[in-house]
Amino acid sequence: MQDELSELNRQVLATFGQPVMVFRGESLLIETRGIISRELVPVGQFDSVLQTVTVISLPADLKLQRSDEIQAADQQWIIDRKLKDDGQMIWWRLHEA
């Protein structure tokens, strides 16, 4: 039950998520809405070692690449790599700019 509620929460936030701007180089690529969160992800080959990372969830139809810049509110991040893709949303790992 908890997983279903968590997924529903993500879908609601994706629909009404916070506004973010995506830059490629110096030019604005797109303004959209996304979910920026902090999550625990496995580090290395051992699933028992976890690290807290900043993650952004965006619609899957956005074509992003490494080193694109994300701006939301007064914060900036650089896209590091794709974490997962469910066909509707893609989760990207971020690091601070």
N, C-alpha and C. Protein backbone atom coordinates (compact mmCIF):
# COMPACT_ATOMS: atom_id res chain seq x y z
N MET A 1 0.82 -1.19 0.00
CA MET A 1 0.00 0.00 0.00
C MET A 1 0.87 1.26 0.00
N GLN A 2 1.95 1.21 0.75
CA GLN A 2 2.84 2.37 0.85
C GLN A 2 3.45 2.70 -0.50
N ASP A 3 3.82 1.68 -1.28
CA ASP A 3 4.40 1.93 -2.60
C ASP A 3 3.42 2.61 -3.54
N GLU A 4 2.15 2.19 -3.48
CA GLU A 4 1.13 2.81 -4.33
C GLU A 4 0.93 4.28 -3.97
N LEU A 5 0.92 4.58 -2.68
CA LEU A 5 0.77 5.97 -2.23
C LEU A 5 1.98 6.80 -2.62
N SER A 6 3.15 6.22 -2.51
CA SER A 6 4.37 6.93 -2.90
C SER A 6 4.35 7.24 -4.39
N GLU A 7 3.93 6.28 -5.22
CA GLU A 7 3.86 6.50 -6.66
C GLU A 7 2.80 7.55 -7.00
N LEU A 8 1.66 7.51 -6.32
CA LEU A 8 0.62 8.51 -6.54
C LEU A 8 1.13 9.90 -6.17
N ASN A 9 1.87 10.00 -5.07
CA ASN A 9 2.45 11.27 -4.65
C ASN A 9 3.40 11.81 -5.73
N ARG A 10 4.22 10.96 -6.32
CA ARG A 10 5.13 11.37 -7.39
C ARG A 10 4.37 11.87 -8.61
N GLN A 11 3.29 11.18 -8.97
CA GLN A 11 2.51 11.59 -10.14
C GLN A 11 1.84 12.94 -9.91
N VAL A 12 1.33 13.16 -8.72
CA VAL A 12 0.71 14.45 -8.39
C VAL A 12 1.75 15.56 -8.44
N LEU A 13 2.92 15.31 -7.85
CA LEU A 13 3.98 16.32 -7.87
C LEU A 13 4.47 16.58 -9.29
N ALA A 14 4.49 15.54 -10.13
CA ALA A 14 4.92 15.75 -11.51
C ALA A 14 3.93 16.63 -12.26
N THR A 15 2.66 16.48 -11.96
CA THR A 15 1.63 17.29 -12.61
C THR A 15 1.68 18.72 -12.10
N PHE A 16 1.81 18.87 -10.81
CA PHE A 16 1.79 20.20 -10.20
C PHE A 16 3.14 20.57 -9.61
N GLY A 17 4.22 19.90 -10.03
CA GLY A 17 5.55 20.09 -9.47
C GLY A 17 6.06 21.51 -9.57
N GLN A 18 7.24 21.73 -9.05
CA GLN A 18 7.79 23.07 -9.04
C GLN A 18 8.35 23.44 -10.41
N PRO A 19 8.29 24.71 -10.77
CA PRO A 19 8.82 25.12 -12.07
C PRO A 19 10.35 25.04 -12.09
N VAL A 20 10.88 24.49 -13.17
CA VAL A 20 12.33 24.40 -13.36
C VAL A 20 12.67 24.88 -14.76
N MET A 21 13.87 25.40 -14.90
CA MET A 21 14.38 25.80 -16.21
C MET A 21 15.57 24.92 -16.54
N VAL A 22 15.62 24.46 -17.79
CA VAL A 22 16.71 23.61 -18.25
C VAL A 22 17.52 24.39 -19.27
N PHE A 23 18.82 24.48 -19.01
CA PHE A 23 19.74 25.20 -19.89
C PHE A 23 20.71 24.22 -20.52
N ARG A 24 21.03 24.42 -21.78
CA ARG A 24 22.10 23.70 -22.45
C ARG A 24 23.09 24.76 -22.90
N GLY A 25 24.27 24.74 -22.31
CA GLY A 25 25.24 25.80 -22.57
C GLY A 25 24.72 27.09 -21.95
N GLU A 26 24.67 28.15 -22.73
CA GLU A 26 24.19 29.44 -22.25
C GLU A 26 22.73 29.70 -22.59
N SER A 27 22.11 28.82 -23.38
CA SER A 27 20.75 29.09 -23.85
C SER A 27 19.71 28.25 -23.09
N LEU A 28 18.54 28.84 -22.91
CA LEU A 28 17.43 28.17 -22.25
C LEU A 28 16.87 27.11 -23.19
N LEU A 29 16.84 25.86 -22.72
CA LEU A 29 16.32 24.77 -23.53
C LEU A 29 14.80 24.67 -23.38
N ILE A 30 14.32 24.68 -22.13
CA ILE A 30 12.89 24.56 -21.88
C ILE A 30 12.57 24.96 -20.45
N GLU A 31 11.36 25.46 -20.25
CA GLU A 31 10.81 25.67 -18.91
C GLU A 31 9.74 24.61 -18.71
N THR A 32 9.80 23.88 -17.62
CA THR A 32 8.86 22.80 -17.36
C THR A 32 8.63 22.68 -15.85
N ARG A 33 7.93 21.67 -15.45
CA ARG A 33 7.72 21.37 -14.04
C ARG A 33 8.36 20.03 -13.72
N GLY A 34 8.96 19.94 -12.55
CA GLY A 34 9.62 18.70 -12.15
C GLY A 34 9.60 18.54 -10.65
N ILE A 35 10.06 17.39 -10.21
CA ILE A 35 10.14 17.08 -8.78
C ILE A 35 11.61 16.97 -8.42
N ILE A 36 12.06 17.82 -7.53
CA ILE A 36 13.43 17.74 -7.03
C ILE A 36 13.37 17.18 -5.63
N SER A 37 14.11 16.09 -5.41
CA SER A 37 14.06 15.43 -4.10
C SER A 37 15.44 14.90 -3.74
N ARG A 38 15.57 14.49 -2.50
CA ARG A 38 16.79 13.85 -2.02
C ARG A 38 16.44 12.38 -1.78
N GLU A 39 17.24 11.48 -2.33
CA GLU A 39 16.98 10.05 -2.22
C GLU A 39 18.23 9.30 -1.83
N LEU A 40 18.03 8.11 -1.29
CA LEU A 40 19.13 7.21 -0.99
C LEU A 40 19.29 6.25 -2.16
N VAL A 41 20.49 6.16 -2.70
CA VAL A 41 20.77 5.24 -3.81
C VAL A 41 21.99 4.39 -3.46
N PRO A 42 22.03 3.15 -3.97
CA PRO A 42 23.19 2.29 -3.70
C PRO A 42 24.45 2.87 -4.33
N VAL A 43 25.57 2.68 -3.64
CA VAL A 43 26.87 3.15 -4.13
C VAL A 43 27.73 1.93 -4.42
N GLY A 44 28.29 1.89 -5.61
CA GLY A 44 29.19 0.79 -5.96
C GLY A 44 28.46 -0.52 -6.15
N GLN A 45 29.18 -1.59 -5.92
CA GLN A 45 28.64 -2.92 -6.16
C GLN A 45 27.84 -3.48 -5.00
N PHE A 46 27.86 -2.81 -3.86
CA PHE A 46 27.16 -3.32 -2.68
C PHE A 46 25.90 -2.51 -2.42
N ASP A 47 24.75 -3.17 -2.40
CA ASP A 47 23.49 -2.48 -2.16
C ASP A 47 23.35 -2.01 -0.72
N SER A 48 24.18 -2.51 0.17
CA SER A 48 24.05 -2.13 1.58
C SER A 48 24.69 -0.78 1.88
N VAL A 49 25.47 -0.24 0.95
CA VAL A 49 26.10 1.07 1.13
C VAL A 49 25.27 2.08 0.34
N LEU A 50 24.69 3.05 1.05
CA LEU A 50 23.81 4.03 0.42
C LEU A 50 24.38 5.43 0.53
N GLN A 51 24.01 6.27 -0.42
CA GLN A 51 24.45 7.66 -0.45
C GLN A 51 23.23 8.54 -0.73
N THR A 52 23.16 9.70 -0.09
CA THR A 52 22.09 10.64 -0.36
C THR A 52 22.46 11.48 -1.58
N VAL A 53 21.55 11.52 -2.57
CA VAL A 53 21.79 12.30 -3.78
C VAL A 53 20.56 13.14 -4.08
N THR A 54 20.77 14.21 -4.84
CA THR A 54 19.67 15.04 -5.32
C THR A 54 19.21 14.48 -6.65
N VAL A 55 17.90 14.30 -6.77
CA VAL A 55 17.31 13.67 -7.95
C VAL A 55 16.21 14.57 -8.49
N ILE A 56 16.10 14.67 -9.81
CA ILE A 56 14.99 15.38 -10.42
C ILE A 56 14.21 14.41 -11.29
N SER A 57 12.89 14.48 -11.20
CA SER A 57 12.01 13.67 -12.04
C SER A 57 11.37 14.60 -13.05
N LEU A 58 11.53 14.25 -14.32
CA LEU A 58 10.99 15.06 -15.41
C LEU A 58 10.25 14.16 -16.39
N PRO A 59 9.33 14.74 -17.18
CA PRO A 59 8.63 13.94 -18.19
C PRO A 59 9.63 13.29 -19.16
N ALA A 60 9.29 12.08 -19.60
CA ALA A 60 10.19 11.30 -20.45
C ALA A 60 10.37 11.89 -21.84
N ASP A 61 9.47 12.77 -22.26
CA ASP A 61 9.58 13.32 -23.62
C ASP A 61 10.65 14.41 -23.73
N LEU A 62 11.21 14.86 -22.60
CA LEU A 62 12.30 15.84 -22.64
C LEU A 62 13.61 15.12 -22.95
N LYS A 63 14.31 15.59 -23.95
CA LYS A 63 15.59 14.98 -24.33
C LYS A 63 16.72 15.76 -23.66
N LEU A 64 17.19 15.25 -22.53
CA LEU A 64 18.28 15.89 -21.80
C LEU A 64 19.55 15.09 -21.98
N GLN A 65 20.65 15.72 -21.64
CA GLN A 65 21.93 15.04 -21.69
C GLN A 65 22.78 15.50 -20.52
N ARG A 66 23.86 14.76 -20.31
CA ARG A 66 24.80 15.12 -19.25
C ARG A 66 25.27 16.53 -19.42
N SER A 67 25.47 17.22 -18.33
CA SER A 67 25.98 18.58 -18.23
C SER A 67 24.94 19.65 -18.56
N ASP A 68 23.68 19.27 -18.85
CA ASP A 68 22.62 20.29 -18.92
C ASP A 68 22.44 20.87 -17.52
N GLU A 69 22.07 22.12 -17.44
CA GLU A 69 21.93 22.79 -16.15
C GLU A 69 20.46 22.95 -15.79
N ILE A 70 20.14 22.68 -14.53
CA ILE A 70 18.79 22.82 -14.01
C ILE A 70 18.79 23.98 -13.02
N GLN A 71 17.81 24.88 -13.16
CA GLN A 71 17.64 25.98 -12.20
C GLN A 71 16.22 25.93 -11.66
N ALA A 72 16.11 25.99 -10.34
CA ALA A 72 14.82 26.04 -9.68
C ALA A 72 14.97 26.94 -8.46
N ALA A 73 14.05 27.89 -8.34
CA ALA A 73 14.13 28.88 -7.26
C ALA A 73 15.50 29.55 -7.35
N ASP A 74 16.29 29.49 -6.28
CA ASP A 74 17.61 30.13 -6.27
C ASP A 74 18.73 29.12 -6.33
N GLN A 75 18.44 27.88 -6.74
CA GLN A 75 19.45 26.84 -6.75
C GLN A 75 19.75 26.39 -8.18
N GLN A 76 20.97 25.88 -8.37
CA GLN A 76 21.41 25.39 -9.67
C GLN A 76 22.06 24.03 -9.50
N TRP A 77 21.79 23.14 -10.46
CA TRP A 77 22.39 21.81 -10.48
C TRP A 77 22.82 21.49 -11.90
N ILE A 78 23.72 20.52 -12.01
CA ILE A 78 24.16 19.99 -13.29
C ILE A 78 23.68 18.53 -13.36
N ILE A 79 23.13 18.13 -14.50
CA ILE A 79 22.69 16.75 -14.66
C ILE A 79 23.91 15.85 -14.73
N ASP A 80 23.91 14.81 -13.90
CA ASP A 80 25.02 13.86 -13.86
C ASP A 80 24.72 12.64 -14.73
N ARG A 81 23.64 11.90 -14.40
CA ARG A 81 23.31 10.72 -15.20
C ARG A 81 21.87 10.30 -14.95
N LYS A 82 21.36 9.48 -15.85
CA LYS A 82 20.00 8.97 -15.72
C LYS A 82 19.99 7.83 -14.70
N LEU A 83 19.03 7.87 -13.78
CA LEU A 83 18.92 6.81 -12.79
C LEU A 83 17.93 5.74 -13.21
N LYS A 84 16.74 6.16 -13.66
CA LYS A 84 15.75 5.18 -14.12
C LYS A 84 14.74 5.86 -15.02
N ASP A 85 14.00 5.04 -15.75
CA ASP A 85 13.03 5.50 -16.73
C ASP A 85 11.86 4.54 -16.70
N ASP A 86 10.64 5.05 -16.45
CA ASP A 86 9.47 4.17 -16.44
C ASP A 86 8.57 4.38 -17.66
N GLY A 87 9.05 5.12 -18.64
CA GLY A 87 8.28 5.37 -19.84
C GLY A 87 7.53 6.69 -19.81
N GLN A 88 7.13 7.14 -18.63
CA GLN A 88 6.43 8.41 -18.48
C GLN A 88 7.32 9.47 -17.84
N MET A 89 8.17 9.03 -16.92
CA MET A 89 9.06 9.95 -16.23
C MET A 89 10.47 9.37 -16.22
N ILE A 90 11.45 10.29 -16.19
CA ILE A 90 12.85 9.89 -16.08
C ILE A 90 13.43 10.56 -14.84
N TRP A 91 14.17 9.79 -14.06
CA TRP A 91 14.82 10.30 -12.87
C TRP A 91 16.29 10.53 -13.20
N TRP A 92 16.76 11.75 -12.98
CA TRP A 92 18.14 12.13 -13.26
C TRP A 92 18.84 12.46 -11.95
N ARG A 93 20.09 12.05 -11.83
CA ARG A 93 20.93 12.41 -10.69
C ARG A 93 21.54 13.76 -10.97
N LEU A 94 21.56 14.62 -9.94
CA LEU A 94 22.09 15.97 -10.07
C LEU A 94 23.28 16.16 -9.14
N HIS A 95 24.15 17.10 -9.48
CA HIS A 95 25.15 17.59 -8.52
C HIS A 95 25.15 19.10 -8.59
N GLU A 96 25.53 19.73 -7.51
CA GLU A 96 25.46 21.18 -7.42
C GLU A 96 26.42 21.84 -8.39
N ALA A 97 25.94 22.94 -8.97
CA ALA A 97 26.75 23.68 -9.95
C ALA A 97 27.76 24.56 -9.25
